[in-house]
Amino acid sequence: MDRQLFKIHESKDVGSVHIADEVIAIIAGMAASDVEGVAGMVGNFTGDLVELLGRKNLSKGVAVTVGEDDVSLELAVIVEFGCALVEVTKSVQEKVKTAVETMTGLDVKEVNIKVAGVNVEKSNA
């Protein structure tokens, strides 16, 4: 997949600023991963078997669609067993929207979440 660049700022005095769609995906992935109850991101939207990704692959599991002045995002996440799915996914939507809008200046039209799995591993306490 080719990286796409999008203009986020232009000034006659100093020039323009472009951002890659992968940068938007990384911002969204980092914001989602910081939400309590999110075990991680997954690298495949359609596969039945999903892989839990570490912090190095935060753009995976995030699809970015940039319009004229806005952006739509789709994220595939794995949640922790026992968490309230609606609350966790709502927090992901809010945190991703805020992070992308604050860092890029783009208006986030929508943040769609796919819960692709549940992390049932028990921690060694």
C-alpha atoms as a PDB file:
ATOM      1  CA  MET A   1       0.000   0.000   0.000  1.00  0.00           C
ATOM      2  CA  ASP A   2       1.346   3.403  -0.972  1.00  0.00           C
ATOM      3  CA  ARG A   3       1.580   6.112   1.632  1.00  0.00           C
ATOM      4  CA  GLN A   4      -0.774   9.007   0.954  1.00  0.00           C
ATOM      5  CA  LEU A   5       0.011  12.590   1.923  1.00  0.00           C
ATOM      6  CA  PHE A   6      -2.612  15.141   2.918  1.00  0.00           C
ATOM      7  CA  LYS A   7      -2.264  18.899   3.251  1.00  0.00           C
ATOM      8  CA  ILE A   8      -3.155  20.049   6.758  1.00  0.00           C
ATOM      9  CA  HIS A   9      -1.892  23.638   6.582  1.00  0.00           C
ATOM     10  CA  GLU A  10      -0.921  26.193   3.966  1.00  0.00           C
ATOM     11  CA  SER A  11       0.514  29.669   4.293  1.00  0.00           C
ATOM     12  CA  LYS A  12       1.586  32.033   1.530  1.00  0.00           C
ATOM     13  CA  ASP A  13       4.430  33.227   3.764  1.00  0.00           C
ATOM     14  CA  VAL A  14       6.076  29.937   4.710  1.00  0.00           C
ATOM     15  CA  GLY A  15       4.584  27.141   2.598  1.00  0.00           C
ATOM     16  CA  SER A  16       2.470  24.098   3.318  1.00  0.00           C
ATOM     17  CA  VAL A  17       2.428  21.172   5.727  1.00  0.00           C
ATOM     18  CA  HIS A  18       1.516  17.657   4.599  1.00  0.00           C
ATOM     19  CA  ILE A  19       0.905  14.605   6.772  1.00  0.00           C
ATOM     20  CA  ALA A  20       1.029  10.939   5.794  1.00  0.00           C
ATOM     21  CA  ASP A  21      -2.009   8.755   6.434  1.00  0.00           C
ATOM     22  CA  GLU A  22       0.291   6.431   8.379  1.00  0.00           C
ATOM     23  CA  VAL A  23       1.020   9.265  10.840  1.00  0.00           C
ATOM     24  CA  ILE A  24      -2.718   9.694  11.448  1.00  0.00           C
ATOM     25  CA  ALA A  25      -2.975   5.930  11.981  1.00  0.00           C
ATOM     26  CA  ILE A  26      -0.106   5.958  14.495  1.00  0.00           C
ATOM     27  CA  ILE A  27      -1.709   8.828  16.439  1.00  0.00           C
ATOM     28  CA  ALA A  28      -5.006   6.909  16.541  1.00  0.00           C
ATOM     29  CA  GLY A  29      -3.300   3.652  17.509  1.00  0.00           C
ATOM     30  CA  MET A  30      -1.354   5.246  20.346  1.00  0.00           C
ATOM     31  CA  ALA A  31      -4.460   6.968  21.696  1.00  0.00           C
ATOM     32  CA  ALA A  32      -6.486   3.738  21.537  1.00  0.00           C
ATOM     33  CA  SER A  33      -3.744   1.702  23.220  1.00  0.00           C
ATOM     34  CA  ASP A  34      -3.707   4.114  26.164  1.00  0.00           C
ATOM     35  CA  VAL A  35      -7.357   3.412  27.023  1.00  0.00           C
ATOM     36  CA  GLU A  36      -7.858   1.173  30.053  1.00  0.00           C
ATOM     37  CA  GLY A  37      -9.389  -2.121  28.939  1.00  0.00           C
ATOM     38  CA  VAL A  38      -7.661  -2.175  25.534  1.00  0.00           C
ATOM     39  CA  ALA A  39      -5.215  -5.086  25.406  1.00  0.00           C
ATOM     40  CA  GLY A  40      -3.864  -4.013  22.018  1.00  0.00           C
ATOM     41  CA  MET A  41      -4.463  -3.441  18.355  1.00  0.00           C
ATOM     42  CA  VAL A  42      -4.843  -6.176  15.768  1.00  0.00           C
ATOM     43  CA  GLY A  43      -3.255  -6.287  12.373  1.00  0.00           C
ATOM     44  CA  ASN A  44      -6.083  -7.734  10.335  1.00  0.00           C
ATOM     45  CA  PHE A  45      -9.637  -6.440  10.054  1.00  0.00           C
ATOM     46  CA  THR A  46     -11.031  -9.471   8.258  1.00  0.00           C
ATOM     47  CA  GLY A  47      -9.133 -12.521   9.500  1.00  0.00           C
ATOM     48  CA  ASP A  48     -10.647 -14.843  12.059  1.00  0.00           C
ATOM     49  CA  LEU A  49      -7.271 -15.330  13.693  1.00  0.00           C
ATOM     50  CA  VAL A  50      -5.906 -12.007  14.864  1.00  0.00           C
ATOM     51  CA  GLU A  51      -2.464 -11.090  16.086  1.00  0.00           C
ATOM     52  CA  LEU A  52      -1.954  -8.877  19.095  1.00  0.00           C
ATOM     53  CA  LEU A  53       0.484  -6.159  18.075  1.00  0.00           C
ATOM     54  CA  GLY A  54       3.004  -4.368  20.214  1.00  0.00           C
ATOM     55  CA  ARG A  55       3.749  -0.668  20.342  1.00  0.00           C
ATOM     56  CA  LYS A  56       6.019  -0.807  17.271  1.00  0.00           C
ATOM     57  CA  ASN A  57       3.063  -1.584  15.003  1.00  0.00           C
ATOM     58  CA  LEU A  58       0.551   1.022  16.146  1.00  0.00           C
ATOM     59  CA  SER A  59      -0.550   1.937  12.640  1.00  0.00           C
ATOM     60  CA  LYS A  60      -1.704  -1.647  12.048  1.00  0.00           C
ATOM     61  CA  GLY A  61      -5.354  -2.255  12.754  1.00  0.00           C
ATOM     62  CA  VAL A  62      -6.171   1.354  11.843  1.00  0.00           C
ATOM     63  CA  ALA A  63      -7.750   2.323   8.527  1.00  0.00           C
ATOM     64  CA  VAL A  64      -7.657   6.020   7.618  1.00  0.00           C
ATOM     65  CA  THR A  65      -9.921   7.727   5.091  1.00  0.00           C
ATOM     66  CA  VAL A  66      -9.218  11.423   4.585  1.00  0.00           C
ATOM     67  CA  GLY A  67     -11.806  13.628   2.914  1.00  0.00           C
ATOM     68  CA  GLU A  68     -11.568  17.274   1.859  1.00  0.00           C
ATOM     69  CA  ASP A  69     -11.412  18.659   5.409  1.00  0.00           C
ATOM     70  CA  ASP A  70     -12.092  15.647   7.616  1.00  0.00           C
ATOM     71  CA  VAL A  71     -10.929  12.150   8.444  1.00  0.00           C
ATOM     72  CA  SER A  72     -12.726   8.885   9.209  1.00  0.00           C
ATOM     73  CA  LEU A  73     -11.030   6.112  11.154  1.00  0.00           C
ATOM     74  CA  GLU A  74     -11.661   2.408  11.667  1.00  0.00           C
ATOM     75  CA  LEU A  75      -9.806   0.599  14.441  1.00  0.00           C
ATOM     76  CA  ALA A  76      -9.612  -3.096  15.292  1.00  0.00           C
ATOM     77  CA  VAL A  77      -8.865  -3.699  18.974  1.00  0.00           C
ATOM     78  CA  ILE A  78      -8.547  -6.523  21.457  1.00  0.00           C
ATOM     79  CA  VAL A  79     -10.109  -5.804  24.836  1.00  0.00           C
ATOM     80  CA  GLU A  80      -9.318  -7.223  28.258  1.00  0.00           C
ATOM     81  CA  PHE A  81     -11.627  -9.942  29.569  1.00  0.00           C
ATOM     82  CA  GLY A  82     -14.138  -8.613  32.084  1.00  0.00           C
ATOM     83  CA  CYS A  83     -14.225  -5.011  30.892  1.00  0.00           C
ATOM     84  CA  ALA A  84     -17.405  -3.224  29.839  1.00  0.00           C
ATOM     85  CA  LEU A  85     -17.156  -3.244  26.036  1.00  0.00           C
ATOM     86  CA  VAL A  86     -19.435  -0.263  25.443  1.00  0.00           C
ATOM     87  CA  GLU A  87     -17.558   1.897  27.946  1.00  0.00           C
ATOM     88  CA  VAL A  88     -14.130   0.883  26.619  1.00  0.00           C
ATOM     89  CA  THR A  89     -15.036   1.434  22.967  1.00  0.00           C
ATOM     90  CA  LYS A  90     -16.685   4.782  23.734  1.00  0.00           C
ATOM     91  CA  SER A  91     -13.504   5.869  25.539  1.00  0.00           C
ATOM     92  CA  VAL A  92     -11.437   4.749  22.542  1.00  0.00           C
ATOM     93  CA  GLN A  93     -13.634   6.776  20.190  1.00  0.00           C
ATOM     94  CA  GLU A  94     -13.375   9.905  22.328  1.00  0.00           C
ATOM     95  CA  LYS A  95      -9.628   9.629  22.960  1.00  0.00           C
ATOM     96  CA  VAL A  96      -8.805   8.914  19.296  1.00  0.00           C
ATOM     97  CA  LYS A  97     -11.005  11.788  18.071  1.00  0.00           C
ATOM     98  CA  THR A  98      -9.392  14.237  20.501  1.00  0.00           C
ATOM     99  CA  ALA A  99      -5.828  13.103  19.743  1.00  0.00           C
ATOM    100  CA  VAL A 100      -6.192  13.234  15.954  1.00  0.00           C
ATOM    101  CA  GLU A 101      -7.987  16.596  15.957  1.00  0.00           C
ATOM    102  CA  THR A 102      -5.529  18.156  18.407  1.00  0.00           C
ATOM    103  CA  MET A 103      -2.390  16.933  16.651  1.00  0.00           C
ATOM    104  CA  THR A 104      -3.434  17.355  13.000  1.00  0.00           C
ATOM    105  CA  GLY A 105      -6.091  20.063  12.971  1.00  0.00           C
ATOM    106  CA  LEU A 106      -8.304  17.768  10.868  1.00  0.00           C
ATOM    107  CA  ASP A 107     -11.960  17.316  11.814  1.00  0.00           C
ATOM    108  CA  VAL A 108     -12.673  13.684  12.759  1.00  0.00           C
ATOM    109  CA  LYS A 109     -15.939  12.713  11.118  1.00  0.00           C
ATOM    110  CA  GLU A 110     -16.195   9.261  12.712  1.00  0.00           C
ATOM    111  CA  VAL A 111     -14.239   6.673  14.676  1.00  0.00           C
ATOM    112  CA  ASN A 112     -15.572   3.167  14.081  1.00  0.00           C
ATOM    113  CA  ILE A 113     -14.378   0.377  16.361  1.00  0.00           C
ATOM    114  CA  LYS A 114     -14.270  -3.366  15.681  1.00  0.00           C
ATOM    115  CA  VAL A 115     -13.721  -5.496  18.765  1.00  0.00           C
ATOM    116  CA  ALA A 116     -11.736  -8.271  17.123  1.00  0.00           C
ATOM    117  CA  GLY A 117     -10.964 -10.291  20.227  1.00  0.00           C
ATOM    118  CA  VAL A 118     -10.792 -10.613  23.986  1.00  0.00           C
ATOM    119  CA  ASN A 119      -7.549 -11.060  25.901  1.00  0.00           C
ATOM    120  CA  VAL A 120      -8.137 -13.873  28.404  1.00  0.00           C
ATOM    121  CA  GLU A 121      -4.540 -14.373  29.530  1.00  0.00           C
ATOM    122  CA  LYS A 122      -4.154 -14.320  33.283  1.00  0.00           C
ATOM    123  CA  SER A 123      -1.381 -12.136  34.644  1.00  0.00           C
ATOM    124  CA  ASN A 124       1.240 -13.594  36.965  1.00  0.00           C
ATOM    125  CA  ALA A 125       0.366 -11.727  40.133  1.00  0.00           C
END
